[in-house]
C-alpha cells in the first residue's frame, strides 16, 4: 500500500515523533581542547524541525531512552529549550548516554569515534516499560526514524518497534525514513538489507543518501534505486547526492534540484540530518517537493559552515514559504 505524504496546513497542526538516540558530542578544537555538547542524527533533525516550525502549533517530540545521570538531565533540558517534547522519553537508571568524538580534516570532512555499546537508547523498546512508548506511536501523524535508529536497538526491541510502526501506519500514521546506513552498527550486510527492506515497505517518505544505499544495496544508478523503491511502495523519495543536485521521485514526476554553493566547508556533521529536517518542515507546511529540496539545501549549506551538529539559532537561514493558491499533492 502506497500512502501519499500529507501536507500541513490541514484540520489541525501535525504531531511528529522522531525516534532515535541522542549522544554526548565531543568536538575537537584547534587548540587541542574539546567542546562538549549533544547530537545524534534524529535528534539533530528534531531540533532543526522544531526551529523551522517555530511559531506554528506543530508538535515535535523525541522518543528515546536516557539515563538518570547529569549528562542525560542536561541533554533533556536542551531538547526542551529547543521546543522538542520529551513526554515519551524513557529513563533507564542503570544506563548512560552514548558518547562520540568528532574530528575534521582540512576539507571539513568528519571522522567519528563512538562509545555506545551500553547506551540507554539500545534498550528503549525492551521489556514491559517500553509498552507505553510503542503504543504512543499511533497517536502521531508522522513518525521519523533512521537506519541508525534501527541499528542500535537489540533485535527484540527492533522487532517490537517494527510491529508498532505497522500498527500505527494502519491507523493512519505516515512514516518518514532516513537511510543513514552505518555498516559497523550491523552484524552483517544481509541482516541490514533485510531490516531496511522491511522498513521501506512501511515508508511513505524516504530521505536517502546515495552513497549509503550504494554501500547497502549496490544500486548501479539512480534509476535502479527508484525502481526498487517503487517496488517497496514508497510514495516519495528525496535522493541526497552531496554537492550534486538532489533528485526527487514522487507522484508528480521526477525532479532535480541543484545544491547550494558553499564558499568554505568547516564541518559536514549533520549536513544530511539538516537537509532532511528542512525538507520535511517544508512539506508539512504545504510546500511542494522542489521547494522542500531547496529548503534542505539552504539549511545544509549553512550547517556545514559551522562546527558541530547544531548551529546557533542566530545562524539559521531565513526560509520562506510562498503563498500558494493551491498546492499540488505529491
Protein backbone atom coordinates (compact mmCIF):
# COMPACT_ATOMS: atom_id res chain seq x y z
CA UNK A 1 0.00 0.00 0.00
CA UNK A 2 1.36 3.40 -1.00
CA UNK A 3 0.23 6.36 1.10
CA UNK A 4 0.95 9.90 -0.11
CA UNK A 5 2.62 12.30 2.25
CA UNK A 6 0.04 14.51 3.89
CA UNK A 7 0.53 18.26 3.88
CA UNK A 8 0.02 20.85 6.58
CA UNK A 9 -1.92 23.06 6.98
CA UNK A 10 -4.86 20.75 7.46
CA UNK A 11 -7.66 20.49 10.00
CA UNK A 12 -5.06 20.70 12.77
CA UNK A 13 -1.28 21.07 13.01
CA UNK A 14 0.56 17.75 12.72
CA UNK A 15 2.12 15.82 15.56
CA UNK A 16 5.56 14.47 14.68
CA UNK A 17 7.61 11.95 16.67
CA UNK A 18 11.28 11.33 15.97
CA UNK A 19 12.77 8.08 17.22
CA UNK A 20 16.45 7.55 17.91
CA UNK A 21 19.42 8.32 20.10
CA UNK A 22 20.97 11.49 21.47
CA UNK A 23 24.63 11.21 22.48
CA UNK A 24 27.26 13.29 24.20
CA UNK A 25 29.23 15.08 21.48
CA UNK A 26 32.89 15.98 21.94
CA UNK A 27 34.17 18.27 19.21
CA UNK A 28 37.89 18.84 18.62
CA UNK A 29 39.05 22.47 18.64
CA UNK A 30 42.22 23.91 17.05
CA UNK A 31 43.91 24.31 20.46
CA UNK A 32 43.70 20.53 21.08
CA UNK A 33 40.85 21.01 23.55
CA UNK A 34 37.33 19.62 23.12
CA UNK A 35 33.92 21.29 23.31
CA UNK A 36 31.16 19.15 24.84
CA UNK A 37 27.61 19.32 23.52
CA UNK A 38 24.96 16.84 22.32
CA UNK A 39 23.94 15.34 19.00
CA UNK A 40 22.66 12.35 17.07
CA UNK A 41 21.09 12.04 13.62
CA UNK A 42 17.39 12.03 14.56
CA UNK A 43 17.95 14.43 17.46
CA UNK A 44 19.62 16.86 15.06
CA UNK A 45 16.63 16.52 12.74
CA UNK A 46 14.22 17.06 15.64
CA UNK A 47 15.93 20.29 16.69
CA UNK A 48 16.03 21.70 13.17
CA UNK A 49 12.42 20.66 12.52
CA UNK A 50 11.35 22.39 15.73
CA UNK A 51 13.24 25.56 14.81
CA UNK A 52 11.73 25.65 11.33
CA UNK A 53 8.21 25.20 12.68
CA UNK A 54 8.59 27.76 15.48
CA UNK A 55 5.53 29.97 15.68
CA UNK A 56 3.26 27.22 14.42
CA UNK A 57 1.40 24.75 16.58
CA UNK A 58 3.23 21.74 15.13
CA UNK A 59 4.25 19.24 17.81
CA UNK A 60 7.78 17.84 17.59
CA UNK A 61 8.51 15.09 20.14
CA UNK A 62 11.55 12.90 20.66
CA UNK A 63 11.27 9.22 21.62
CA UNK A 64 14.34 7.62 23.16
CA UNK A 65 15.84 6.31 26.39
CA UNK A 66 18.36 8.07 28.59
CA UNK A 67 19.98 7.53 31.98
CA UNK A 68 19.49 9.37 35.25
CA UNK A 69 22.96 10.96 35.18
CA UNK A 70 23.80 14.65 34.86
CA UNK A 71 24.55 14.39 31.12
CA UNK A 72 21.12 12.85 30.50
CA UNK A 73 19.45 15.59 32.51
CA UNK A 74 21.34 18.26 30.57
CA UNK A 75 20.53 16.83 27.15
CA UNK A 76 16.86 16.56 28.05
CA UNK A 77 16.87 20.22 29.06
CA UNK A 78 18.44 21.10 25.71
CA UNK A 79 15.54 19.41 23.90
CA UNK A 80 13.01 21.36 25.94
CA UNK A 81 14.85 24.61 25.30
CA UNK A 82 14.67 23.85 21.57
CA UNK A 83 10.94 23.16 21.70
CA UNK A 84 11.32 19.39 21.35
CA UNK A 85 8.90 17.48 23.56
CA UNK A 86 10.17 14.78 25.92
CA UNK A 87 6.95 13.29 27.24
CA UNK A 88 7.84 9.88 25.76
CA UNK A 89 11.45 9.70 26.93
CA UNK A 90 12.24 6.59 28.95
CA UNK A 91 14.69 6.81 31.86
CA UNK A 92 16.81 3.68 32.49
CA UNK A 93 18.60 4.36 35.75
CA UNK A 94 21.43 1.86 35.33
CA UNK A 95 22.40 3.15 31.85
CA UNK A 96 24.27 6.14 30.41
CA UNK A 97 24.12 8.05 27.11
CA UNK A 98 26.37 7.14 24.23
CA UNK A 99 29.44 9.26 23.50
CA UNK A 100 31.20 10.30 20.30
CA UNK A 101 34.16 12.44 19.28
CA UNK A 102 34.23 14.47 16.05
CA UNK A 103 37.50 15.09 14.24
CA UNK A 104 37.53 17.05 10.96
CA UNK A 105 40.12 17.34 8.20
CA UNK A 106 41.07 20.48 6.26
CA UNK A 107 38.14 19.95 3.85
CA UNK A 108 35.63 19.75 6.70
CA UNK A 109 35.07 16.02 6.31
CA UNK A 110 34.43 14.47 9.69
CA UNK A 111 35.57 11.31 11.39
CA UNK A 112 33.63 9.90 14.34
CA UNK A 113 34.82 7.73 17.21
CA UNK A 114 31.95 6.19 19.22
CA UNK A 115 31.29 4.64 22.63
CA UNK A 116 27.68 3.49 22.57
CA UNK A 117 27.56 -0.24 23.34
CA UNK A 118 25.93 0.21 26.76
CA UNK A 119 23.86 3.28 25.87
CA UNK A 120 20.34 3.54 27.28
CA UNK A 121 18.84 4.07 23.82
CA UNK A 122 19.74 0.50 22.85
CA UNK A 123 17.12 -0.77 25.33
CA UNK A 124 14.43 1.83 24.69
CA UNK A 125 11.92 -0.73 23.35
CA UNK A 126 12.90 -3.67 25.56
CA UNK A 127 10.66 -5.01 28.31
CA UNK A 128 7.21 -4.01 29.61
CA UNK A 129 8.33 -0.46 30.42
CA UNK A 130 8.51 0.16 26.66
CA UNK A 131 4.84 -0.66 26.05
CA UNK A 132 3.63 2.91 26.56
CA UNK A 133 6.20 4.31 24.13
CA UNK A 134 5.31 1.78 21.44
CA UNK A 135 1.59 2.41 21.84
CA UNK A 136 2.16 6.17 21.67
CA UNK A 137 3.45 5.97 18.09
CA UNK A 138 -0.08 5.57 16.72
CA UNK A 139 -1.00 8.92 18.30
CA UNK A 140 1.29 10.81 15.92
CA UNK A 141 0.56 11.92 12.37
CA UNK A 142 4.18 11.31 11.36
CA UNK A 143 6.95 9.14 12.77
CA UNK A 144 10.50 9.87 11.64
CA UNK A 145 13.37 7.43 12.16
CA UNK A 146 16.63 6.44 10.54
CA UNK A 147 18.75 3.43 9.77
CA UNK A 148 20.77 4.30 12.86
CA UNK A 149 17.58 4.29 14.95
CA UNK A 150 17.06 0.68 13.87
CA UNK A 151 20.69 -0.42 14.04
CA UNK A 152 21.33 0.50 17.67
CA UNK A 153 18.38 -1.50 19.04
CA UNK A 154 18.50 -5.00 20.41
CA UNK A 155 16.98 -7.49 17.94
CA UNK A 156 13.93 -7.91 20.18
CA UNK A 157 13.46 -4.17 20.58
CA UNK A 158 13.75 -3.66 16.83
CA UNK A 159 11.09 -6.29 16.16
CA UNK A 160 8.74 -4.66 18.66
CA UNK A 161 9.30 -1.25 17.05
CA UNK A 162 8.58 -2.59 13.57
CA UNK A 163 5.36 -4.19 14.78
CA UNK A 164 4.30 -0.91 16.40
CA UNK A 165 5.07 1.02 13.20
CA UNK A 166 2.93 -1.39 11.18
CA UNK A 167 0.03 -0.88 13.56
CA UNK A 168 0.49 2.89 13.60
CA UNK A 169 0.56 3.08 9.82
CA UNK A 170 -2.60 1.02 9.56
CA UNK A 171 -4.19 3.60 11.87
CA UNK A 172 -3.13 6.46 9.57
CA UNK A 173 0.34 7.45 10.80
CA UNK A 174 2.77 8.22 7.99
CA UNK A 175 6.37 7.05 8.21
CA UNK A 176 9.43 9.09 7.24
CA UNK A 177 12.71 7.17 6.92
CA UNK A 178 16.27 8.49 6.52
CA UNK A 179 18.51 5.61 5.44
CA UNK A 180 21.74 6.66 7.27
CA UNK A 181 23.42 3.29 6.78
CA UNK A 182 26.40 2.69 9.09
CA UNK A 183 27.91 -0.77 8.38
CA UNK A 184 29.75 -1.03 11.72
CA UNK A 185 26.42 -0.92 13.60
CA UNK A 186 25.14 -4.09 11.92
CA UNK A 187 26.25 -7.71 12.47
CA UNK A 188 26.40 -8.27 8.69
CA UNK A 189 25.20 -6.75 5.43
CA UNK A 190 22.45 -9.33 4.87
CA UNK A 191 20.80 -8.52 8.19
CA UNK A 192 20.87 -4.82 7.40
CA UNK A 193 19.39 -5.38 3.91
CA UNK A 194 16.52 -7.39 5.35
CA UNK A 195 15.72 -4.82 8.05
CA UNK A 196 15.91 -1.94 5.57
CA UNK A 197 13.70 -3.78 3.08
CA UNK A 198 11.10 -4.39 5.80
CA UNK A 199 11.33 -0.74 6.84
CA UNK A 200 10.94 0.59 3.31
CA UNK A 201 7.73 -1.38 2.89
CA UNK A 202 6.32 0.80 5.69
CA UNK A 203 7.79 4.08 4.43
CA UNK A 204 5.83 6.95 2.89
CA UNK A 205 8.69 9.46 2.52
CA UNK A 206 12.27 8.22 2.11
CA UNK A 207 15.16 10.65 2.59
CA UNK A 208 18.08 8.79 1.06
CA UNK A 209 21.81 9.40 0.93
CA UNK A 210 23.01 7.95 -2.38
CA UNK A 211 26.36 6.66 -1.14
CA UNK A 212 24.70 4.82 1.75
CA UNK A 213 22.30 2.93 -0.48
CA UNK A 214 25.07 2.05 -2.92
CA UNK A 215 27.01 0.56 0.01
CA UNK A 216 23.99 -1.38 1.29
CA UNK A 217 22.08 -2.42 -1.83
CA UNK A 218 24.69 -1.93 -4.56
CA UNK A 219 22.46 0.08 -6.91
CA UNK A 220 24.23 0.80 -10.20
CA UNK A 221 22.47 4.10 -10.86
CA UNK A 222 19.61 6.32 -9.73
CA UNK A 223 17.13 4.56 -12.00
CA UNK A 224 17.78 1.23 -10.29
CA UNK A 225 17.21 2.83 -6.89
CA UNK A 226 13.96 4.50 -7.89
CA UNK A 227 12.64 1.28 -9.43
CA UNK A 228 13.46 -0.63 -6.25
CA UNK A 229 11.76 1.95 -4.07
CA UNK A 230 8.66 1.91 -6.26
CA UNK A 231 8.59 -1.84 -5.70
CA UNK A 232 8.72 -1.26 -1.95
CA UNK A 233 5.73 1.09 -2.29
CA UNK A 234 7.49 4.28 -1.19
CA UNK A 235 5.40 7.20 -2.43
CA UNK A 236 8.05 9.94 -2.27
CA UNK A 237 11.84 9.72 -2.42
CA UNK A 238 14.30 12.57 -1.94
CA UNK A 239 17.73 11.34 -3.02
CA UNK A 240 20.55 13.34 -1.43
CA UNK A 241 23.72 13.36 -3.54
CA UNK A 242 26.10 15.65 -1.65
CA UNK A 243 27.19 18.62 -3.76
CA UNK A 244 25.31 17.22 -6.79
CA UNK A 245 21.62 18.00 -7.33
CA UNK A 246 19.03 16.30 -5.16
CA UNK A 247 16.75 14.02 -7.18
CA UNK A 248 13.11 13.71 -6.17
CA UNK A 249 10.72 10.97 -7.26
CA UNK A 250 7.05 11.44 -6.36
CA UNK A 251 3.59 11.14 -7.86
CA UNK A 252 4.09 14.39 -9.78
CA UNK A 253 7.21 13.08 -11.53
CA UNK A 254 10.95 13.26 -11.14
CA UNK A 255 12.84 16.49 -10.47
CA UNK A 256 16.41 17.62 -9.89
CA UNK A 257 17.16 20.49 -7.51
CA UNK A 258 20.74 21.87 -7.55
CA UNK A 259 22.68 22.15 -4.31
CA UNK A 260 23.79 25.46 -2.83
CA UNK A 261 27.31 26.71 -3.43
CA UNK A 262 29.32 26.81 -0.19
CA UNK A 263 32.38 29.07 -0.09
CA UNK A 264 34.13 27.12 2.65
CA UNK A 265 33.12 23.88 4.35
CA UNK A 266 34.07 23.79 8.02
CA UNK A 267 32.34 20.63 9.26
CA UNK A 268 29.95 18.30 7.39
CA UNK A 269 28.43 16.92 10.60
CA UNK A 270 24.59 16.91 10.37
CA UNK A 271 24.53 18.06 6.74
CA UNK A 272 22.17 15.23 5.79
CA UNK A 273 20.15 15.49 9.01
CA UNK A 274 19.52 19.20 8.49
CA UNK A 275 18.56 18.65 4.85
CA UNK A 276 16.02 16.03 5.91
CA UNK A 277 14.57 18.24 8.64
CA UNK A 278 14.15 21.22 6.32
CA UNK A 279 12.64 19.04 3.59
CA UNK A 280 10.07 17.64 5.99
CA UNK A 281 9.35 21.04 7.58
CA UNK A 282 8.56 22.49 4.17
CA UNK A 283 6.36 19.58 3.12
CA UNK A 284 4.37 19.68 6.36
CA UNK A 285 3.74 23.39 5.90
CA UNK A 286 2.29 22.92 2.43
CA UNK A 287 5.38 23.29 0.25
CA UNK A 288 5.90 21.14 -2.87
CA UNK A 289 8.86 18.75 -3.11
CA UNK A 290 11.00 21.08 -5.23
CA UNK A 291 10.75 23.87 -2.66
CA UNK A 292 11.34 21.37 0.14
CA UNK A 293 14.62 20.33 -1.51
CA UNK A 294 15.68 23.99 -1.83
CA UNK A 295 15.00 24.44 1.90
CA UNK A 296 17.06 21.34 2.57
CA UNK A 297 19.99 22.58 0.50
CA UNK A 298 19.89 26.05 2.08
CA UNK A 299 19.93 24.76 5.64
CA UNK A 300 22.58 22.12 4.95
CA UNK A 301 24.77 24.75 3.28
CA UNK A 302 24.58 26.88 6.40
CA UNK A 303 25.19 23.95 8.75
CA UNK A 304 28.42 22.84 7.05
CA UNK A 305 29.88 26.32 7.56
CA UNK A 306 29.77 25.83 11.35
CA UNK A 307 31.32 23.33 13.71
CA UNK A 308 29.23 20.62 15.32
CA UNK A 309 25.80 19.18 14.65
CA UNK A 310 23.64 22.05 15.91
CA UNK A 311 24.44 25.55 14.70
CA UNK A 312 23.48 28.64 16.75
CA UNK A 313 19.88 29.78 16.30
CA UNK A 314 21.18 33.14 15.06
CA UNK A 315 22.96 31.34 12.19
CA UNK A 316 19.78 29.69 10.85
CA UNK A 317 18.90 30.74 7.29
CA UNK A 318 15.65 32.55 6.58
CA UNK A 319 13.47 30.06 4.71
CA UNK A 320 10.28 31.47 3.26
CA UNK A 321 7.06 29.73 2.32
CA UNK A 322 5.36 31.36 -0.69
CA UNK A 323 1.60 31.84 -0.65
CA UNK A 324 0.13 29.08 -2.75
CA UNK A 325 -3.36 29.45 -4.14
CA UNK A 326 -3.28 25.69 -4.33
CA UNK A 327 -0.58 23.17 -3.54
CA UNK A 328 -0.36 20.05 -5.66
CA UNK A 329 -0.37 16.86 -3.68
CA UNK A 330 2.78 14.90 -4.41
